[in-house]
Amino acid sequence: MAKFIKSTLGRVALIAVVLVLIIGAVSFRMKQNELAEKAAVLEEQKNTLQNHVDEMKTDLESPFDEEYVAKIAKDKLGLRYPQEIVYYGNDN
């Protein structure tokens, strides 16, 4: 009878350890997937910001001439030449 109890306790302990390991592995895998998704989002943001930085560097390196001033006035301030006609529509 004592052997049966020890054996049963051993089996229960073994099953408990196996269950804890399975739950831990599943939890680890879920966290790994979550972090991989977050890394992908951050990588996308990094690429977007790097493109923006590259555009800003290009703007800084361009000569400060009349064409550049006109481009900035149009893009940033919304200004136009008096003879210019602006059409608004869908940009699809």
C-alpha atoms as a PDB file:
ATOM      1  CA  MET A   1       0.000   0.000   0.000  1.00  0.00           C
ATOM      2  CA  ALA A   2       2.823   2.457   0.866  1.00  0.00           C
ATOM      3  CA  LYS A   3       4.465   1.664  -2.448  1.00  0.00           C
ATOM      4  CA  PHE A   4       1.180   2.507  -4.251  1.00  0.00           C
ATOM      5  CA  ILE A   5       0.928   5.866  -2.429  1.00  0.00           C
ATOM      6  CA  LYS A   6       4.536   6.752  -3.218  1.00  0.00           C
ATOM      7  CA  SER A   7       4.021   5.739  -6.774  1.00  0.00           C
ATOM      8  CA  THR A   8       0.819   7.764  -7.025  1.00  0.00           C
ATOM      9  CA  LEU A   9       2.468  10.797  -5.411  1.00  0.00           C
ATOM     10  CA  GLY A  10       5.387  10.441  -7.784  1.00  0.00           C
ATOM     11  CA  ARG A  11       3.062  10.288 -10.779  1.00  0.00           C
ATOM     12  CA  VAL A  12       1.084  13.306  -9.571  1.00  0.00           C
ATOM     13  CA  ALA A  13       4.301  15.248  -9.021  1.00  0.00           C
ATOM     14  CA  LEU A  14       5.578  14.257 -12.451  1.00  0.00           C
ATOM     15  CA  ILE A  15       2.291  15.287 -14.092  1.00  0.00           C
ATOM     16  CA  ALA A  16       2.383  18.607 -12.207  1.00  0.00           C
ATOM     17  CA  VAL A  17       5.932  19.292 -13.368  1.00  0.00           C
ATOM     18  CA  VAL A  18       5.055  18.412 -16.961  1.00  0.00           C
ATOM     19  CA  LEU A  19       1.987  20.684 -16.854  1.00  0.00           C
ATOM     20  CA  VAL A  20       4.050  23.562 -15.469  1.00  0.00           C
ATOM     21  CA  LEU A  21       6.624  23.073 -18.225  1.00  0.00           C
ATOM     22  CA  ILE A  22       3.936  22.962 -20.937  1.00  0.00           C
ATOM     23  CA  ILE A  23       2.238  26.090 -19.591  1.00  0.00           C
ATOM     24  CA  GLY A  24       5.601  27.845 -19.376  1.00  0.00           C
ATOM     25  CA  ALA A  25       6.487  26.875 -22.954  1.00  0.00           C
ATOM     26  CA  VAL A  26       3.136  28.099 -24.284  1.00  0.00           C
ATOM     27  CA  SER A  27       3.465  31.338 -22.331  1.00  0.00           C
ATOM     28  CA  PHE A  28       7.015  31.809 -23.634  1.00  0.00           C
ATOM     29  CA  ARG A  29       5.893  31.197 -27.229  1.00  0.00           C
ATOM     30  CA  MET A  30       3.021  33.707 -26.915  1.00  0.00           C
ATOM     31  CA  LYS A  31       5.384  36.338 -25.490  1.00  0.00           C
ATOM     32  CA  GLN A  32       7.891  35.608 -28.272  1.00  0.00           C
ATOM     33  CA  ASN A  33       5.201  36.141 -30.935  1.00  0.00           C
ATOM     34  CA  GLU A  34       4.064  39.353 -29.262  1.00  0.00           C
ATOM     35  CA  LEU A  35       7.607  40.703 -29.166  1.00  0.00           C
ATOM     36  CA  ALA A  36       8.202  39.710 -32.799  1.00  0.00           C
ATOM     37  CA  GLU A  37       5.107  41.687 -33.850  1.00  0.00           C
ATOM     38  CA  LYS A  38       6.234  44.664 -31.786  1.00  0.00           C
ATOM     39  CA  ALA A  39       9.709  44.459 -33.350  1.00  0.00           C
ATOM     40  CA  ALA A  40       8.161  44.493 -36.833  1.00  0.00           C
ATOM     41  CA  VAL A  41       6.120  47.602 -35.984  1.00  0.00           C
ATOM     42  CA  LEU A  42       9.173  49.332 -34.533  1.00  0.00           C
ATOM     43  CA  GLU A  43      11.250  48.399 -37.581  1.00  0.00           C
ATOM     44  CA  GLU A  44       8.582  49.961 -39.828  1.00  0.00           C
ATOM     45  CA  GLN A  45       8.592  53.123 -37.707  1.00  0.00           C
ATOM     46  CA  LYS A  46      12.390  53.221 -37.836  1.00  0.00           C
ATOM     47  CA  ASN A  47      12.349  52.965 -41.629  1.00  0.00           C
ATOM     48  CA  THR A  48       9.744  55.725 -41.882  1.00  0.00           C
ATOM     49  CA  LEU A  49      11.768  58.004 -39.638  1.00  0.00           C
ATOM     50  CA  GLN A  50      14.966  57.208 -41.508  1.00  0.00           C
ATOM     51  CA  ASN A  51      13.289  58.161 -44.792  1.00  0.00           C
ATOM     52  CA  HIS A  52      12.141  61.421 -43.201  1.00  0.00           C
ATOM     53  CA  VAL A  53      15.675  62.138 -41.957  1.00  0.00           C
ATOM     54  CA  ASP A  54      17.074  61.407 -45.419  1.00  0.00           C
ATOM     55  CA  GLU A  55      14.575  63.836 -46.983  1.00  0.00           C
ATOM     56  CA  MET A  56      15.512  66.501 -44.449  1.00  0.00           C
ATOM     57  CA  LYS A  57      19.233  65.972 -45.170  1.00  0.00           C
ATOM     58  CA  THR A  58      18.529  66.349 -48.883  1.00  0.00           C
ATOM     59  CA  ASP A  59      16.668  69.594 -48.194  1.00  0.00           C
ATOM     60  CA  LEU A  60      19.567  70.871 -46.098  1.00  0.00           C
ATOM     61  CA  GLU A  61      22.092  69.998 -48.791  1.00  0.00           C
ATOM     62  CA  SER A  62      20.144  71.631 -51.611  1.00  0.00           C
ATOM     63  CA  PRO A  63      21.233  75.128 -52.637  1.00  0.00           C
ATOM     64  CA  PHE A  64      19.379  78.053 -51.134  1.00  0.00           C
ATOM     65  CA  ASP A  65      18.266  79.623 -54.401  1.00  0.00           C
ATOM     66  CA  GLU A  66      15.033  81.086 -55.742  1.00  0.00           C
ATOM     67  CA  GLU A  67      13.725  77.675 -56.805  1.00  0.00           C
ATOM     68  CA  TYR A  68      14.262  76.284 -53.304  1.00  0.00           C
ATOM     69  CA  VAL A  69      12.536  79.274 -51.694  1.00  0.00           C
ATOM     70  CA  ALA A  70       9.567  78.880 -54.073  1.00  0.00           C
ATOM     71  CA  LYS A  71       9.327  75.161 -53.275  1.00  0.00           C
ATOM     72  CA  ILE A  72       9.302  75.808 -49.525  1.00  0.00           C
ATOM     73  CA  ALA A  73       6.763  78.620 -49.934  1.00  0.00           C
ATOM     74  CA  LYS A  74       4.454  76.278 -51.859  1.00  0.00           C
ATOM     75  CA  ASP A  75       4.928  73.140 -49.758  1.00  0.00           C
ATOM     76  CA  LYS A  76       5.103  74.593 -46.264  1.00  0.00           C
ATOM     77  CA  LEU A  77       3.205  77.871 -46.497  1.00  0.00           C
ATOM     78  CA  GLY A  78       0.702  77.088 -49.254  1.00  0.00           C
ATOM     79  CA  LEU A  79       1.717  80.180 -51.245  1.00  0.00           C
ATOM     80  CA  ARG A  80       1.332  80.402 -55.030  1.00  0.00           C
ATOM     81  CA  TYR A  81       2.410  82.728 -57.814  1.00  0.00           C
ATOM     82  CA  PRO A  82      -0.283  85.282 -58.816  1.00  0.00           C
ATOM     83  CA  GLN A  83      -0.666  83.774 -62.310  1.00  0.00           C
ATOM     84  CA  GLU A  84      -0.856  80.204 -60.980  1.00  0.00           C
ATOM     85  CA  ILE A  85      -4.190  78.390 -61.046  1.00  0.00           C
ATOM     86  CA  VAL A  86      -4.670  75.732 -58.395  1.00  0.00           C
ATOM     87  CA  TYR A  87      -7.112  72.874 -58.906  1.00  0.00           C
ATOM     88  CA  TYR A  88      -8.322  70.857 -55.953  1.00  0.00           C
ATOM     89  CA  GLY A  89      -9.628  67.366 -56.326  1.00  0.00           C
ATOM     90  CA  ASN A  90      -9.304  63.829 -55.105  1.00  0.00           C
ATOM     91  CA  ASP A  91      -5.740  62.605 -54.881  1.00  0.00           C
ATOM     92  CA  ASN A  92      -6.763  58.979 -55.328  1.00  0.00           C
END
